[in-house]
Amino acid sequence: MTQTSRTRLFPYAVAVGVTAAAVVARLLLDPLLGDHLPYATFLGAVAVTAWVGGWRPALLTAGLSMAVGVYLFVPPRYTFVARLGPDLSGLGVFAGVSLVLALFGEMARTARRRADARGELLRITLASIGDAVLTTDTGGRVMYLNGVAEQLTGWT
């Protein structure tokens, strides 16, 4: 398997692993929660997956979570049948919130990639200027020196 295909599969592996961790957490909380809040731990799993891998792996986590949640924690347990009423509406709310989390996670990832690209462009631009450039914070502490400024000042 190539590095590229491993990198592409990593977010989906995270999706499965985080979902499994959410199942274990919900099983541990089952004596406290019983038949209530069957998807409580799964929302965190969707959020983590969206942050790490984007909307597609987050939707995988949501789908796995809904299937496992219905099977293990919604009465009648150990079947994929959800009763009409609160159980089915809870599933719908979970699906909607998961979709919102997936979209917000994707927007955050896009913004982070864009900021990283702009920061790299700024770093390259400042490093290639023929004049000495140094930046300071509001307290007057030097935060950045380009190569020419390092040569002139002797600072690194």
Protein backbone atom coordinates (compact mmCIF):
# COMPACT_ATOMS: atom_id res chain seq x y z
CA MET A 1 0.00 0.00 0.00
CA THR A 2 1.41 3.38 -0.95
CA GLN A 3 1.85 6.31 1.42
CA THR A 4 -0.84 8.26 -0.45
CA SER A 5 -3.47 5.53 -0.09
CA ARG A 6 -2.58 5.10 3.60
CA THR A 7 -2.96 8.85 4.10
CA ARG A 8 -6.35 8.79 2.38
CA LEU A 9 -7.54 5.83 4.46
CA PHE A 10 -6.37 7.29 7.78
CA PRO A 11 -9.46 9.48 8.39
CA TYR A 12 -11.73 6.48 7.78
CA ALA A 13 -9.71 4.38 10.20
CA VAL A 14 -10.12 7.21 12.70
CA ALA A 15 -13.87 7.16 12.01
CA VAL A 16 -14.13 3.47 12.84
CA GLY A 17 -11.81 3.72 15.86
CA VAL A 18 -13.55 6.73 17.36
CA THR A 19 -16.94 5.08 16.83
CA ALA A 20 -15.69 1.98 18.62
CA ALA A 21 -14.46 4.14 21.52
CA ALA A 22 -17.87 5.84 21.67
CA VAL A 23 -19.56 2.42 21.83
CA VAL A 24 -17.33 1.38 24.72
CA ALA A 25 -18.02 4.67 26.51
CA ARG A 26 -21.78 4.26 26.04
CA LEU A 27 -21.62 0.65 27.25
CA LEU A 28 -19.83 1.84 30.38
CA LEU A 29 -22.51 4.50 30.89
CA ASP A 30 -25.36 2.08 30.19
CA PRO A 31 -26.06 1.28 33.87
CA LEU A 32 -26.57 5.01 34.43
CA LEU A 33 -28.39 5.92 31.21
CA GLY A 34 -30.35 2.76 30.47
CA ASP A 35 -32.62 3.31 27.50
CA HIS A 36 -32.21 7.10 27.67
CA LEU A 37 -29.80 9.11 25.49
CA PRO A 38 -28.71 6.25 23.24
CA TYR A 39 -26.50 8.54 21.12
CA ALA A 40 -24.91 10.58 23.91
CA THR A 41 -21.32 9.51 23.33
CA PHE A 42 -21.60 9.33 19.56
CA LEU A 43 -21.90 13.10 19.01
CA GLY A 44 -18.35 13.54 20.31
CA ALA A 45 -17.18 10.82 17.95
CA VAL A 46 -18.72 12.63 14.97
CA ALA A 47 -17.12 15.93 16.05
CA VAL A 48 -13.65 14.37 16.45
CA THR A 49 -13.89 12.62 13.10
CA ALA A 50 -15.03 15.82 11.37
CA TRP A 51 -12.06 17.69 12.83
CA VAL A 52 -9.55 15.01 11.85
CA GLY A 53 -10.91 13.84 8.52
CA GLY A 54 -13.62 16.13 7.20
CA TRP A 55 -17.23 15.58 6.30
CA ARG A 56 -17.03 12.21 4.56
CA PRO A 57 -15.42 10.31 7.45
CA ALA A 58 -17.73 12.20 9.86
CA LEU A 59 -20.75 10.94 7.95
CA LEU A 60 -19.31 7.41 8.15
CA THR A 61 -19.04 7.84 11.92
CA ALA A 62 -22.62 9.13 12.04
CA GLY A 63 -23.92 6.18 10.02
CA LEU A 64 -22.05 3.62 12.09
CA SER A 65 -23.18 5.37 15.27
CA MET A 66 -26.82 5.33 14.22
CA ALA A 67 -26.69 1.64 13.35
CA VAL A 68 -24.88 0.64 16.54
CA GLY A 69 -26.98 3.00 18.66
CA VAL A 70 -30.26 1.58 17.37
CA TYR A 71 -29.03 -1.99 17.71
CA LEU A 72 -27.48 -1.78 21.19
CA PHE A 73 -29.19 1.05 23.03
CA VAL A 74 -32.70 1.69 21.61
CA PRO A 75 -35.44 -0.61 22.89
CA PRO A 76 -36.17 -3.24 21.83
CA ARG A 77 -32.43 -3.88 22.05
CA TYR A 78 -30.45 -6.15 19.73
CA THR A 79 -32.64 -5.40 16.74
CA PHE A 80 -32.52 -2.69 14.08
CA VAL A 81 -36.15 -1.72 14.69
CA ALA A 82 -36.71 1.66 16.32
CA ARG A 83 -40.11 2.42 17.81
CA LEU A 84 -42.11 5.31 16.48
CA GLY A 85 -42.10 8.35 18.70
CA PRO A 86 -39.19 9.47 20.85
CA ASP A 87 -36.78 6.80 19.65
CA LEU A 88 -37.28 7.64 15.99
CA SER A 89 -37.26 11.40 16.60
CA GLY A 90 -34.05 11.00 18.66
CA LEU A 91 -32.49 9.24 15.70
CA GLY A 92 -33.55 12.12 13.45
CA VAL A 93 -32.13 14.72 15.81
CA PHE A 94 -28.86 12.79 16.02
CA ALA A 95 -28.68 12.61 12.22
CA GLY A 96 -29.31 16.36 11.88
CA VAL A 97 -26.80 17.36 14.53
CA SER A 98 -24.24 14.98 13.02
CA LEU A 99 -24.69 16.61 9.64
CA VAL A 100 -24.16 20.06 11.16
CA LEU A 101 -21.05 18.83 13.01
CA ALA A 102 -19.68 17.31 9.79
CA LEU A 103 -20.20 20.56 7.88
CA PHE A 104 -18.69 22.73 10.64
CA GLY A 105 -15.72 20.37 10.87
CA GLU A 106 -15.17 20.61 7.12
CA MET A 107 -15.41 24.40 7.23
CA ALA A 108 -12.85 24.50 10.05
CA ARG A 109 -10.49 22.21 8.11
CA THR A 110 -10.84 24.39 5.00
CA ALA A 111 -10.15 27.56 6.98
CA ARG A 112 -7.11 25.95 8.63
CA ARG A 113 -5.69 24.85 5.24
CA ARG A 114 -6.29 28.32 3.81
CA ALA A 115 -4.60 30.01 6.79
CA ASP A 116 -1.63 27.64 6.55
CA ALA A 117 -1.24 28.39 2.84
CA ARG A 118 -1.41 32.15 3.44
CA GLY A 119 1.08 31.88 6.29
CA GLU A 120 3.50 29.97 4.08
CA LEU A 121 3.11 32.53 1.30
CA LEU A 122 3.78 35.34 3.75
CA ARG A 123 6.83 33.52 5.15
CA ILE A 124 8.26 32.98 1.66
CA THR A 125 7.53 36.59 0.67
CA LEU A 126 9.21 38.04 3.75
CA ALA A 127 12.19 35.73 3.42
CA SER A 128 12.77 36.73 -0.21
CA ILE A 129 12.63 40.51 0.25
CA GLY A 130 16.03 42.13 -0.38
CA ASP A 131 15.57 44.61 2.49
CA ALA A 132 15.87 43.77 6.15
CA VAL A 133 12.47 42.89 7.63
CA LEU A 134 11.78 42.27 11.26
CA THR A 135 8.44 42.02 13.01
CA THR A 136 7.65 42.63 16.65
CA ASP A 137 4.70 41.93 18.89
CA THR A 138 2.84 44.64 20.78
CA GLY A 139 5.41 44.43 23.60
CA GLY A 140 8.30 45.21 21.25
CA ARG A 141 9.68 41.66 21.27
CA VAL A 142 11.14 40.54 17.93
CA MET A 143 9.00 37.76 16.47
CA TYR A 144 10.53 37.34 13.01
CA LEU A 145 13.68 38.29 11.11
CA ASN A 146 14.28 37.60 7.46
CA GLY A 147 17.73 36.59 6.22
CA VAL A 148 18.88 40.13 5.44
CA ALA A 149 17.87 41.34 8.91
CA GLU A 150 19.75 38.42 10.48
CA GLN A 151 22.90 39.36 8.56
CA LEU A 152 22.65 43.04 9.51
CA THR A 153 21.87 42.48 13.19
CA GLY A 154 23.80 39.27 13.82
CA TRP A 155 20.68 37.83 15.48
CA THR A 156 19.07 34.57 14.46
